Amino acid sequence: MKHLVKTSVGVMQVYENYIVAIVNEGETVTDLSNADLFKIVKNHFKNKKFIYISYRVNSYAVDPIIYIQASKIENLIGFAIVSSKKIARINSQIEQIFSKKPLKTFTDINDATEWANNTIKEAEEK
């Protein structure tokens, strides 16, 4: 991990090719939460492609509208949602409707980070 950034709703772990976001229990992720993401992108991924991984270890609400704004980040090339909970994976199908970027769901964080690294590598080879 390169950096750990505390946000208004949790923490974001910044790595070379991706961000892992862990939201606090009971929070609601809204458009305002995207401000933290935009700051991190500006500081850590200026002209570098990256993946956003939502690691859902806690229970919280997500306003799917956030995907419309986040999808405008040009160097963001995909989203991953990681959860062992069936309801979170079902909710991710709804969230995917709002995303203009690829969105994949995983039950294991290692699978998500491997996908992120491979996706970045493929994008850089193009």
C-alpha atoms as a PDB file:
ATOM      1  CA  MET A   1       0.000   0.000   0.000  1.00  0.00           C
ATOM      2  CA  LYS A   2       1.271   3.438  -0.942  1.00  0.00           C
ATOM      3  CA  HIS A   3      -1.076   5.585   1.164  1.00  0.00           C
ATOM      4  CA  LEU A   4      -3.973   5.321   3.584  1.00  0.00           C
ATOM      5  CA  VAL A   5      -6.454   8.183   3.291  1.00  0.00           C
ATOM      6  CA  LYS A   6      -9.192   8.747   5.876  1.00  0.00           C
ATOM      7  CA  THR A   7     -12.379  10.019   4.268  1.00  0.00           C
ATOM      8  CA  SER A   8     -15.693  11.357   5.505  1.00  0.00           C
ATOM      9  CA  VAL A   9     -17.231   7.841   5.338  1.00  0.00           C
ATOM     10  CA  GLY A  10     -14.302   5.449   5.858  1.00  0.00           C
ATOM     11  CA  VAL A  11     -10.801   4.844   4.505  1.00  0.00           C
ATOM     12  CA  MET A  12      -9.249   4.472   1.084  1.00  0.00           C
ATOM     13  CA  GLN A  13      -6.138   2.391   0.647  1.00  0.00           C
ATOM     14  CA  VAL A  14      -4.198   3.689  -2.350  1.00  0.00           C
ATOM     15  CA  TYR A  15      -2.083   1.177  -4.269  1.00  0.00           C
ATOM     16  CA  GLU A  16      -0.130   1.395  -7.522  1.00  0.00           C
ATOM     17  CA  ASN A  17      -3.045   0.378  -9.800  1.00  0.00           C
ATOM     18  CA  TYR A  18      -6.138   0.657  -7.637  1.00  0.00           C
ATOM     19  CA  ILE A  19      -7.920   2.123  -4.641  1.00  0.00           C
ATOM     20  CA  VAL A  20      -9.548  -0.102  -2.017  1.00  0.00           C
ATOM     21  CA  ALA A  21     -12.378   1.740  -0.270  1.00  0.00           C
ATOM     22  CA  ILE A  22     -13.679   0.470   3.064  1.00  0.00           C
ATOM     23  CA  VAL A  23     -16.767   2.348   4.222  1.00  0.00           C
ATOM     24  CA  ASN A  24     -17.705   2.512   7.907  1.00  0.00           C
ATOM     25  CA  GLU A  25     -20.683   0.598   9.260  1.00  0.00           C
ATOM     26  CA  GLY A  26     -24.009   2.400   8.815  1.00  0.00           C
ATOM     27  CA  GLU A  27     -22.755   5.171   6.510  1.00  0.00           C
ATOM     28  CA  THR A  28     -24.502   6.349   3.362  1.00  0.00           C
ATOM     29  CA  VAL A  29     -22.262   6.883   0.347  1.00  0.00           C
ATOM     30  CA  THR A  30     -23.539   9.850  -1.672  1.00  0.00           C
ATOM     31  CA  ASP A  31     -22.345  12.402  -4.208  1.00  0.00           C
ATOM     32  CA  LEU A  32     -20.570  14.229  -1.375  1.00  0.00           C
ATOM     33  CA  SER A  33     -18.459  11.123  -0.740  1.00  0.00           C
ATOM     34  CA  ASN A  34     -17.183  11.346  -4.315  1.00  0.00           C
ATOM     35  CA  ALA A  35     -15.299  14.523  -3.390  1.00  0.00           C
ATOM     36  CA  ASP A  36     -12.832  12.365  -1.454  1.00  0.00           C
ATOM     37  CA  LEU A  37     -12.321  10.147  -4.498  1.00  0.00           C
ATOM     38  CA  PHE A  38     -11.715  13.130  -6.782  1.00  0.00           C
ATOM     39  CA  LYS A  39      -9.044  14.475  -4.400  1.00  0.00           C
ATOM     40  CA  ILE A  40      -7.273  11.115  -4.256  1.00  0.00           C
ATOM     41  CA  VAL A  41      -7.324  10.785  -8.032  1.00  0.00           C
ATOM     42  CA  LYS A  42      -5.873  14.274  -8.431  1.00  0.00           C
ATOM     43  CA  ASN A  43      -3.080  13.552  -5.930  1.00  0.00           C
ATOM     44  CA  HIS A  44      -2.206   9.933  -6.697  1.00  0.00           C
ATOM     45  CA  PHE A  45      -3.426   9.038 -10.197  1.00  0.00           C
ATOM     46  CA  LYS A  46      -2.947  12.244 -12.193  1.00  0.00           C
ATOM     47  CA  ASN A  47      -2.455  10.684 -15.622  1.00  0.00           C
ATOM     48  CA  LYS A  48      -2.449   7.035 -14.622  1.00  0.00           C
ATOM     49  CA  LYS A  49      -5.249   4.542 -15.186  1.00  0.00           C
ATOM     50  CA  PHE A  50      -6.696   2.894 -12.083  1.00  0.00           C
ATOM     51  CA  ILE A  51      -9.485   0.699 -10.718  1.00  0.00           C
ATOM     52  CA  TYR A  52     -11.788   1.521  -7.806  1.00  0.00           C
ATOM     53  CA  ILE A  53     -12.455  -1.442  -5.484  1.00  0.00           C
ATOM     54  CA  SER A  54     -15.289  -1.217  -2.983  1.00  0.00           C
ATOM     55  CA  TYR A  55     -14.452  -3.712  -0.222  1.00  0.00           C
ATOM     56  CA  ARG A  56     -17.772  -4.166   1.548  1.00  0.00           C
ATOM     57  CA  VAL A  57     -16.837  -5.631   4.898  1.00  0.00           C
ATOM     58  CA  ASN A  58     -19.399  -3.422   6.676  1.00  0.00           C
ATOM     59  CA  SER A  59     -23.084  -2.817   6.059  1.00  0.00           C
ATOM     60  CA  TYR A  60     -23.862   0.571   4.526  1.00  0.00           C
ATOM     61  CA  ALA A  61     -26.030   2.261   1.887  1.00  0.00           C
ATOM     62  CA  VAL A  62     -24.907   3.396  -1.554  1.00  0.00           C
ATOM     63  CA  ASP A  63     -26.698   5.986  -3.660  1.00  0.00           C
ATOM     64  CA  PRO A  64     -26.116   4.522  -7.154  1.00  0.00           C
ATOM     65  CA  ILE A  65     -26.074   8.046  -8.626  1.00  0.00           C
ATOM     66  CA  ILE A  66     -22.447   8.277  -7.443  1.00  0.00           C
ATOM     67  CA  TYR A  67     -21.484   6.030 -10.351  1.00  0.00           C
ATOM     68  CA  ILE A  68     -22.656   8.632 -12.863  1.00  0.00           C
ATOM     69  CA  GLN A  69     -20.239  11.220 -11.436  1.00  0.00           C
ATOM     70  CA  ALA A  70     -17.384   8.782 -10.808  1.00  0.00           C
ATOM     71  CA  SER A  71     -17.694   7.439 -14.360  1.00  0.00           C
ATOM     72  CA  LYS A  72     -16.658  10.887 -15.590  1.00  0.00           C
ATOM     73  CA  ILE A  73     -13.130  10.321 -14.246  1.00  0.00           C
ATOM     74  CA  GLU A  74     -11.312   9.608 -17.490  1.00  0.00           C
ATOM     75  CA  ASN A  75      -8.476   7.528 -16.071  1.00  0.00           C
ATOM     76  CA  LEU A  76     -10.830   5.390 -13.947  1.00  0.00           C
ATOM     77  CA  ILE A  77     -11.251   2.285 -16.077  1.00  0.00           C
ATOM     78  CA  GLY A  78     -13.394   0.051 -13.872  1.00  0.00           C
ATOM     79  CA  PHE A  79     -15.072  -0.748 -10.588  1.00  0.00           C
ATOM     80  CA  ALA A  80     -14.924  -3.880  -8.459  1.00  0.00           C
ATOM     81  CA  ILE A  81     -17.272  -4.697  -5.615  1.00  0.00           C
ATOM     82  CA  VAL A  82     -16.094  -7.261  -3.078  1.00  0.00           C
ATOM     83  CA  SER A  83     -18.512  -8.840  -0.631  1.00  0.00           C
ATOM     84  CA  SER A  84     -19.306 -12.241   0.783  1.00  0.00           C
ATOM     85  CA  LYS A  85     -22.896 -11.101   1.410  1.00  0.00           C
ATOM     86  CA  LYS A  86     -25.496 -12.084  -1.176  1.00  0.00           C
ATOM     87  CA  ILE A  87     -27.499  -8.852  -0.725  1.00  0.00           C
ATOM     88  CA  ALA A  88     -24.427  -6.737  -1.528  1.00  0.00           C
ATOM     89  CA  ARG A  89     -23.847  -8.705  -4.725  1.00  0.00           C
ATOM     90  CA  ILE A  90     -27.505  -8.261  -5.704  1.00  0.00           C
ATOM     91  CA  ASN A  91     -27.271  -4.512  -4.998  1.00  0.00           C
ATOM     92  CA  SER A  92     -24.172  -4.334  -7.198  1.00  0.00           C
ATOM     93  CA  GLN A  93     -26.297  -5.446 -10.155  1.00  0.00           C
ATOM     94  CA  ILE A  94     -28.453  -2.348  -9.650  1.00  0.00           C
ATOM     95  CA  GLU A  95     -25.380  -0.146  -9.230  1.00  0.00           C
ATOM     96  CA  GLN A  96     -23.969  -1.492 -12.487  1.00  0.00           C
ATOM     97  CA  ILE A  97     -26.885   0.084 -14.374  1.00  0.00           C
ATOM     98  CA  PHE A  98     -25.592   3.539 -13.359  1.00  0.00           C
ATOM     99  CA  SER A  99     -21.943   2.913 -14.212  1.00  0.00           C
ATOM    100  CA  LYS A 100     -20.525   3.848 -17.580  1.00  0.00           C
ATOM    101  CA  LYS A 101     -17.384   1.811 -16.733  1.00  0.00           C
ATOM    102  CA  PRO A 102     -17.010  -1.954 -16.336  1.00  0.00           C
ATOM    103  CA  LEU A 103     -18.161  -3.177 -12.928  1.00  0.00           C
ATOM    104  CA  LYS A 104     -17.310  -6.661 -11.654  1.00  0.00           C
ATOM    105  CA  THR A 105     -18.373  -8.371  -8.452  1.00  0.00           C
ATOM    106  CA  PHE A 106     -16.126 -10.628  -6.380  1.00  0.00           C
ATOM    107  CA  THR A 107     -16.390 -12.560  -3.131  1.00  0.00           C
ATOM    108  CA  ASP A 108     -12.640 -12.402  -2.428  1.00  0.00           C
ATOM    109  CA  ILE A 109     -10.446  -9.274  -2.271  1.00  0.00           C
ATOM    110  CA  ASN A 110      -7.487 -11.132  -3.791  1.00  0.00           C
ATOM    111  CA  ASP A 111      -9.524 -11.970  -6.886  1.00  0.00           C
ATOM    112  CA  ALA A 112     -10.535  -8.322  -7.214  1.00  0.00           C
ATOM    113  CA  THR A 113      -6.983  -7.000  -6.902  1.00  0.00           C
ATOM    114  CA  GLU A 114      -5.730  -9.587  -9.395  1.00  0.00           C
ATOM    115  CA  TRP A 115      -8.461  -8.510 -11.840  1.00  0.00           C
ATOM    116  CA  ALA A 116      -7.537  -4.858 -11.253  1.00  0.00           C
ATOM    117  CA  ASN A 117      -3.840  -5.444 -11.951  1.00  0.00           C
ATOM    118  CA  ASN A 118      -4.599  -7.504 -15.072  1.00  0.00           C
ATOM    119  CA  THR A 119      -7.104  -4.926 -16.352  1.00  0.00           C
ATOM    120  CA  ILE A 120      -4.579  -2.113 -15.890  1.00  0.00           C
ATOM    121  CA  LYS A 121      -1.878  -4.138 -17.634  1.00  0.00           C
ATOM    122  CA  GLU A 122      -4.177  -4.870 -20.601  1.00  0.00           C
ATOM    123  CA  ALA A 123      -5.192  -1.195 -20.844  1.00  0.00           C
ATOM    124  CA  GLU A 124      -1.581  -0.044 -20.840  1.00  0.00           C
ATOM    125  CA  GLU A 125      -0.691  -2.503 -23.611  1.00  0.00           C
ATOM    126  CA  LYS A 126      -3.305  -0.978 -25.941  1.00  0.00           C
END
